[in-house]
Protein backbone atom coordinates (compact mmCIF):
# COMPACT_ATOMS: atom_id res chain seq x y z
CA UNK A 1 2.90 -19.47 -7.93
CA UNK A 2 2.71 -15.97 -9.36
CA UNK A 3 2.98 -12.81 -7.29
CA UNK A 4 2.65 -9.16 -8.28
CA UNK A 5 2.82 -5.91 -6.36
CA UNK A 6 3.43 -2.22 -6.76
CA UNK A 7 6.93 -1.12 -5.82
CA UNK A 8 8.13 1.76 -3.64
CA UNK A 9 4.97 1.79 -1.50
CA UNK A 10 6.82 2.20 1.80
CA UNK A 11 5.83 0.50 5.06
CA UNK A 12 5.68 2.91 7.98
CA UNK A 13 6.06 2.16 11.66
CA UNK A 14 2.79 2.32 13.57
CA UNK A 15 0.39 2.84 10.66
CA UNK A 16 -3.17 3.40 11.81
CA UNK A 17 -5.07 0.06 11.92
CA UNK A 18 -8.47 -0.46 10.41
CA UNK A 19 -7.84 1.48 7.21
CA UNK A 20 -8.23 -0.21 3.85
CA UNK A 21 -4.77 -0.91 2.46
CA UNK A 22 -3.95 1.37 -0.43
CA UNK A 23 -6.97 3.59 0.30
CA UNK A 24 -6.54 7.32 -0.28
CA UNK A 25 -8.22 10.19 1.53
CA UNK A 26 -8.45 13.74 0.27
CA UNK A 27 -5.51 15.90 1.32
CA UNK A 28 -7.95 18.24 3.08
CA UNK A 29 -8.53 15.59 5.77
CA UNK A 30 -5.66 16.19 8.20
CA UNK A 31 -6.25 13.61 10.89
CA UNK A 32 -2.54 12.77 11.15
CA UNK A 33 -1.24 16.11 12.45
CA UNK A 34 -1.37 15.76 16.22
CA UNK A 35 0.67 16.99 19.14
CA UNK A 36 1.30 13.52 20.57
CA UNK A 37 2.70 12.13 17.30
CA UNK A 38 6.39 11.72 16.46
CA UNK A 39 8.48 14.29 14.59
CA UNK A 40 9.20 12.88 11.12
CA UNK A 41 11.96 13.79 8.66
CA UNK A 42 11.95 12.77 4.98
CA UNK A 43 15.45 12.45 3.51
CA UNK A 44 15.29 12.75 -0.25
CA UNK A 45 11.99 14.61 -0.04
CA UNK A 46 12.14 15.99 -3.58
CA UNK A 47 12.69 12.58 -5.19
CA UNK A 48 10.06 10.13 -6.44
CA UNK A 49 10.22 7.88 -3.36
CA UNK A 50 10.35 10.83 -0.98
CA UNK A 51 7.14 12.10 -2.53
CA UNK A 52 5.65 8.62 -2.13
CA UNK A 53 6.59 8.68 1.56
CA UNK A 54 4.50 11.83 1.92
CA UNK A 55 1.55 10.33 0.04
CA UNK A 56 1.60 7.24 2.26
CA UNK A 57 1.79 9.35 5.43
CA UNK A 58 -1.26 11.27 4.26
CA UNK A 59 -3.29 8.33 2.96
CA UNK A 60 -2.81 6.33 6.16
CA UNK A 61 -3.23 9.23 8.57
CA UNK A 62 0.17 8.36 9.99
CA UNK A 63 0.42 10.42 13.19
CA UNK A 64 3.03 13.17 13.30
CA UNK A 65 3.47 16.43 15.16
CA UNK A 66 5.89 17.88 12.60
CA UNK A 67 7.34 17.10 9.19
CA UNK A 68 10.85 18.10 8.14
CA UNK A 69 11.80 17.82 4.46
CA UNK A 70 15.50 17.24 3.84
CA UNK A 71 17.45 16.99 0.58
CA UNK A 72 20.77 17.92 -0.98
CA UNK A 73 22.14 21.43 -0.95
CA UNK A 74 21.01 21.74 -4.56
CA UNK A 75 17.36 21.22 -3.58
CA UNK A 76 17.48 23.17 -0.32
CA UNK A 77 15.20 26.18 -0.34
CA UNK A 78 12.55 24.65 -2.58
CA UNK A 79 8.96 24.96 -1.39
CA UNK A 80 6.71 21.90 -1.22
CA UNK A 81 3.05 21.61 -0.24
CA UNK A 82 1.84 18.84 2.04
CA UNK A 83 -1.60 18.57 3.62
CA UNK A 84 -2.48 22.23 3.05
CA UNK A 85 0.83 23.52 4.44
CA UNK A 86 3.92 24.91 2.77
CA UNK A 87 7.31 23.50 3.74
CA UNK A 88 10.81 24.67 2.86
CA UNK A 89 13.23 21.89 1.93
CA UNK A 90 16.24 22.02 4.22
CA UNK A 91 19.86 21.06 3.57
CA UNK A 92 20.53 17.54 4.74
CA UNK A 93 24.14 18.39 5.53
CA UNK A 94 23.38 21.45 7.66
CA UNK A 95 24.32 21.26 11.35
CA UNK A 96 21.38 20.16 13.49
CA UNK A 97 19.42 18.79 10.50
CA UNK A 98 18.09 15.94 12.68
CA UNK A 99 17.69 17.75 15.98
CA UNK A 100 14.36 16.84 17.55
CA UNK A 101 13.55 14.19 14.89
CA UNK A 102 11.99 10.95 16.13
CA UNK A 103 11.72 9.05 12.81
CA UNK A 104 13.88 9.73 9.74
CA UNK A 105 12.75 8.09 6.50
CA UNK A 106 15.73 7.78 4.16
CA UNK A 107 15.38 7.25 0.41
CA UNK A 108 18.19 9.11 -1.32
CA UNK A 109 20.56 6.26 -2.20
CA UNK A 110 23.06 4.17 -0.30
CA UNK A 111 25.78 6.81 -0.31
CA UNK A 112 23.54 9.38 1.34
CA UNK A 113 22.35 6.83 3.90
CA UNK A 114 25.88 5.82 4.83
CA UNK A 115 26.93 9.46 5.12
CA UNK A 116 24.01 10.86 7.13
CA UNK A 117 22.14 8.04 8.89
CA UNK A 118 24.75 7.89 11.69
CA UNK A 119 24.17 11.59 12.40
CA UNK A 120 20.43 10.99 12.60
CA UNK A 121 20.95 8.08 14.99
CA UNK A 122 23.29 10.19 17.12
CA UNK A 123 20.47 12.75 17.43
CA UNK A 124 18.16 10.02 18.75
CA UNK A 125 16.21 9.35 15.55
CA UNK A 126 15.03 5.94 14.38
CA UNK A 127 16.20 5.73 10.78
CA UNK A 128 14.07 3.68 8.37
CA UNK A 129 16.38 3.22 5.40
CA UNK A 130 15.10 2.37 1.92
CA UNK A 131 18.56 1.80 0.41
CA UNK A 132 20.85 -1.23 0.44
CA UNK A 133 23.42 0.49 2.68
CA UNK A 134 22.66 -1.35 5.94
CA UNK A 135 20.62 -4.36 4.86
CA UNK A 136 23.32 -6.93 5.50
CA UNK A 137 24.75 -5.26 8.60
CA UNK A 138 24.32 -7.86 11.38
CA UNK A 139 23.48 -5.09 13.86
CA UNK A 140 20.66 -3.67 11.71
CA UNK A 141 17.26 -5.40 11.56
CA UNK A 142 16.02 -6.08 8.01
CA UNK A 143 12.27 -5.87 8.29
CA UNK A 144 9.07 -6.60 6.39
CA UNK A 145 6.39 -5.70 8.98
CA UNK A 146 4.01 -8.52 7.94
CA UNK A 147 6.86 -11.05 7.90
CA UNK A 148 9.29 -10.41 10.78
CA UNK A 149 8.11 -7.54 13.01
CA UNK A 150 9.84 -9.22 15.95
CA UNK A 151 13.15 -8.05 14.48
CA UNK A 152 12.21 -4.55 15.70
CA UNK A 153 11.31 -5.53 19.25
CA UNK A 154 14.23 -3.54 20.70
CA UNK A 155 13.61 -0.41 18.64
CA UNK A 156 12.28 2.53 20.66
CA UNK A 157 11.56 6.13 19.71
CA UNK A 158 14.15 8.43 21.22
CA UNK A 159 16.74 5.66 21.21
CA UNK A 160 18.61 6.14 17.95
CA UNK A 161 18.67 3.09 15.68
CA UNK A 162 18.57 2.01 12.04
CA UNK A 163 15.93 -0.25 10.52
CA UNK A 164 16.49 -1.41 6.94
CA UNK A 165 13.79 -2.50 4.54
CA UNK A 166 14.61 -5.15 1.92
CA UNK A 167 14.82 -4.83 -1.83
CA UNK A 168 11.44 -4.55 -3.56
CA UNK A 169 11.72 -8.00 -5.20
CA UNK A 170 12.53 -9.62 -1.85
CA UNK A 171 9.51 -8.00 -0.19
CA UNK A 172 7.09 -9.22 -2.87
CA UNK A 173 8.49 -12.75 -2.78
CA UNK A 174 8.57 -13.14 0.99
CA UNK A 175 5.11 -11.67 1.55
CA UNK A 176 3.81 -14.68 -0.38
CA UNK A 177 6.40 -17.31 0.54
CA UNK A 178 6.74 -16.72 4.29
CA UNK A 179 3.24 -17.88 5.34
CA UNK A 180 3.88 -21.14 3.47
CA UNK A 181 7.40 -21.37 4.89
CA UNK A 182 6.02 -21.15 8.43
CA UNK A 183 3.64 -24.01 7.70
CA UNK A 184 5.82 -26.44 5.76
CA UNK A 185 9.41 -24.99 5.74
CA UNK A 186 10.88 -23.98 2.41
CA UNK A 187 13.96 -25.98 1.43
CA UNK A 188 14.51 -24.48 -2.03
CA UNK A 189 13.12 -21.47 -3.86
CA UNK A 190 13.37 -20.65 -7.57
CA UNK A 191 12.31 -17.09 -8.42
CA UNK A 192 11.99 -15.28 -11.74
CA UNK A 193 11.14 -11.58 -11.59
CA UNK A 194 9.55 -9.34 -14.20
CA UNK A 195 10.44 -5.86 -13.01
CA UNK A 196 8.75 -2.63 -14.04
CA UNK A 197 10.25 0.73 -14.90
CA UNK A 198 9.12 2.21 -11.58
CA UNK A 199 11.76 0.17 -9.77
CA UNK A 200 14.43 2.18 -11.61
CA UNK A 201 12.88 5.54 -10.72
CA UNK A 202 10.86 8.32 -12.30
CA UNK A 203 13.46 8.99 -15.01
CA UNK A 204 13.23 5.37 -16.20
CA UNK A 205 9.45 5.63 -16.39
CA UNK A 206 9.73 8.78 -18.48
CA UNK A 207 12.27 7.11 -20.76
CA UNK A 208 9.93 4.17 -21.32
CA UNK A 209 7.14 6.56 -22.33
CA UNK A 210 9.46 8.50 -24.62
CA UNK A 211 10.90 5.38 -26.23
CA UNK A 212 7.42 4.00 -26.89
CA UNK A 213 6.47 7.18 -28.72
CA UNK A 214 9.76 7.21 -30.64
CA UNK A 215 9.60 3.56 -31.73
CA UNK A 216 5.98 3.89 -32.86
CA UNK A 217 7.00 6.96 -34.87
CA UNK A 218 9.84 5.02 -36.51
CA UNK A 219 12.58 6.92 -34.67
CA UNK A 220 15.63 5.61 -32.88
CA UNK A 221 14.90 5.29 -29.14
CA UNK A 222 16.57 7.59 -26.62
CA UNK A 223 18.66 5.45 -24.24
CA UNK A 224 19.86 7.50 -21.27
CA UNK A 225 18.79 5.44 -18.25
CA UNK A 226 19.30 2.02 -19.81
CA UNK A 227 21.98 1.09 -22.32
CA UNK A 228 19.51 -0.52 -24.71
CA UNK A 229 15.99 -0.15 -26.03
CA UNK A 230 13.43 -0.71 -23.29
CA UNK A 231 10.17 -0.18 -25.16
CA UNK A 232 8.81 -3.40 -26.72
CA UNK A 233 11.77 -5.31 -25.29
CA UNK A 234 12.89 -7.31 -22.24
CA UNK A 235 16.40 -7.77 -20.92
CA UNK A 236 18.35 -9.02 -17.95
CA UNK A 237 18.09 -6.66 -14.99
CA UNK A 238 20.46 -3.73 -15.37
CA UNK A 239 22.27 -4.41 -12.07
CA UNK A 240 25.99 -5.27 -12.43
CA UNK A 241 26.88 -8.90 -13.11
CA UNK A 242 29.03 -10.56 -10.45
CA UNK A 243 31.76 -13.17 -10.80
CA UNK A 244 29.33 -16.00 -10.02
CA UNK A 245 27.19 -15.06 -13.06
CA UNK A 246 24.34 -13.63 -11.00
CA UNK A 247 23.60 -9.92 -10.95
CA UNK A 248 23.39 -7.81 -7.80
CA UNK A 249 19.57 -7.76 -7.85
CA UNK A 250 19.47 -11.56 -7.85
CA UNK A 251 21.98 -11.86 -5.03
CA UNK A 252 20.03 -9.37 -2.95
CA UNK A 253 17.11 -11.81 -2.99
CA UNK A 254 19.38 -14.67 -1.89
CA UNK A 255 21.14 -12.83 0.94
CA UNK A 256 18.15 -10.85 2.21
CA UNK A 257 15.86 -13.88 2.32
CA UNK A 258 18.36 -15.84 4.38
CA UNK A 259 18.74 -12.96 6.83
CA UNK A 260 15.00 -12.29 7.22
CA UNK A 261 14.20 -15.99 7.65
CA UNK A 262 17.29 -16.49 9.83
CA UNK A 263 18.06 -19.55 7.71
CA UNK A 264 21.49 -19.77 6.08
CA UNK A 265 20.71 -23.20 4.61
CA UNK A 266 17.67 -22.37 2.48
CA UNK A 267 18.57 -22.80 -1.20
CA UNK A 268 17.61 -19.88 -3.45
CA UNK A 269 18.19 -19.11 -7.10
CA UNK A 270 16.84 -16.02 -8.83
CA UNK A 271 16.66 -14.58 -12.33
CA UNK A 272 15.69 -10.92 -12.55
CA UNK A 273 14.36 -9.45 -15.81
CA UNK A 274 13.39 -5.89 -16.72
CA UNK A 275 10.09 -5.72 -18.62
CA UNK A 276 8.48 -2.69 -20.37
CA UNK A 277 5.74 -2.17 -17.78
CA UNK A 278 5.29 1.19 -16.10
CA UNK A 279 4.47 0.08 -12.55
CA UNK A 280 4.34 -3.09 -10.40
CA UNK A 281 6.77 -5.99 -10.43
CA UNK A 282 5.66 -9.58 -11.02
CA UNK A 283 7.36 -12.80 -9.95
CA UNK A 284 7.15 -16.51 -10.60
CA UNK A 285 8.02 -18.44 -7.45
CA UNK A 286 8.59 -22.22 -7.25
CA UNK A 287 8.90 -23.57 -3.72
CA UNK A 288 10.09 -26.96 -2.44
CA UNK A 289 8.98 -27.77 1.11
CA UNK A 290 10.21 -30.04 3.85
CA UNK A 291 6.64 -31.15 4.63
CA UNK A 292 3.88 -32.04 2.16
CA UNK A 293 1.71 -29.10 1.13
CA UNK A 294 -1.14 -29.33 -1.38
CA UNK A 295 -2.42 -26.38 -3.40
CA UNK A 296 -5.72 -26.07 -1.53
CA UNK A 297 -3.92 -25.79 1.79
CA UNK A 298 -1.48 -23.29 0.29
CA UNK A 299 -4.38 -21.20 -0.98
CA UNK A 300 -6.05 -21.13 2.43
CA UNK A 301 -2.80 -20.20 4.18
CA UNK A 302 -2.24 -17.32 1.75
CA UNK A 303 -5.86 -16.16 2.03
CA UNK A 304 -5.32 -15.65 5.77
CA UNK A 305 -1.94 -13.94 5.40
CA UNK A 306 -1.74 -10.20 6.15
CA UNK A 307 -0.99 -8.04 3.13
CA UNK A 308 -1.79 -10.77 0.61
CA UNK A 309 -4.68 -10.83 -1.86
CA UNK A 310 -5.60 -13.95 -3.83
CA UNK A 311 -6.42 -13.48 -7.53
CA UNK A 312 -6.63 -17.03 -8.80
CA UNK A 313 -9.64 -17.57 -11.07
CA UNK A 314 -8.83 -20.41 -13.42
CA UNK A 315 -12.28 -20.49 -15.03
CA UNK A 316 -11.92 -16.97 -16.41
CA UNK A 317 -8.11 -17.10 -16.71
CA UNK A 318 -7.88 -14.17 -14.33
CA UNK A 319 -4.64 -13.82 -12.37
CA UNK A 320 -2.57 -10.89 -11.01
CA UNK A 321 -1.52 -8.22 -13.51
CA UNK A 322 0.57 -5.06 -13.05
CA UNK A 323 -2.35 -2.84 -14.05
CA UNK A 324 -4.57 -4.40 -11.42
CA UNK A 325 -2.14 -4.01 -8.52
CA UNK A 326 -0.62 -0.63 -9.37
CA UNK A 327 -0.98 1.96 -6.62
CA UNK A 328 -2.01 -0.71 -4.10
CA UNK A 329 -0.15 -2.16 -1.14
CA UNK A 330 -1.18 -5.83 -1.06
CA UNK A 331 0.84 -8.49 -2.85
CA UNK A 332 -1.54 -10.26 -5.26
CA UNK A 333 -0.96 -14.01 -5.61
CA UNK A 334 -2.28 -16.38 -8.25
CA UNK A 335 -1.45 -19.40 -10.44
CA UNK A 336 -1.22 -21.47 -7.26
CA UNK A 337 -0.59 -25.04 -8.37
CA UNK A 338 1.34 -28.22 -7.70
CA UNK A 339 4.67 -28.73 -9.47
CA UNK A 340 4.00 -31.64 -11.84
CA UNK A 341 7.67 -32.20 -12.61
CA UNK A 342 8.20 -33.71 -9.18
CA UNK A 343 6.71 -36.93 -7.84
CA UNK A 344 7.81 -37.58 -4.28
CA UNK A 345 6.59 -36.89 -0.78
CA UNK A 346 7.81 -33.31 -0.73
CA UNK A 347 5.49 -30.39 -1.22
CA UNK A 348 6.03 -28.13 -4.25
CA UNK A 349 4.04 -25.04 -5.20
């Protein structure tokens, strides 16, 4: 089974139902600004993901009564436009930075989250953290809304709390695997990822563009973000390698999946690769099930799953591609087929 999805398209609590996923509306339509909405703070507002938070809020008409843009002291004082209004970026470390905030969206790195999320919680804010800082904290729910929304059942606005979202590769994998897991129970999962530059941030995307131009011009590539040539090349994910031979990205998939599924026994192995694609990660996922599951049943289960789109046209050899899913929210799934290497009564997809 192959899955592909854009990365860093954040899920937001209470998004307006009935809207086409990934649909954009002109910024002049300001249906989201309303007095009965929550007060929202964006931590890391000047960064690539902070800007994506704002785009998602606008495109989904996410209700808010006020927006507060927070960043480091270095960025404080900058002016940013959002939905026809000008906002001044405020210092994240200033006293009272989270006063009156209902929801604080954090995407400024694990260090910033660990340093400032507790202050936001103490002010009564619900922190939605995009970093790895709290993912494995037993007291913090790790949530994919389409997969385990029940993990947030005790979260209430005005009652400070932290909600963590998983790593991008884990989200893509579990959006596709969980509906099948619920039906037939996954015993073992083998995942290979093909991760785009966007997962490493805007600077990595710019370096890929620059390197492509340099290599085509016969010049030595500039390697600032990655330690080796990225253009026209693939390499093991740039996360640190651990003593067990896996890198941190791969172990995130193992640990986060077990926490989200509440299943410490599920067997998972992952190999994460960086590929020279601008946006949207892709994954190959091989699943072994406790109960038999044929490919037609798997296809029907996935077709009914929220947030999943099937692109599986064998006749025209048309399956998910990064270009096709970029700037969209749904996880596209294709190459759904039985594992021919196995011949027993277990289900494999």
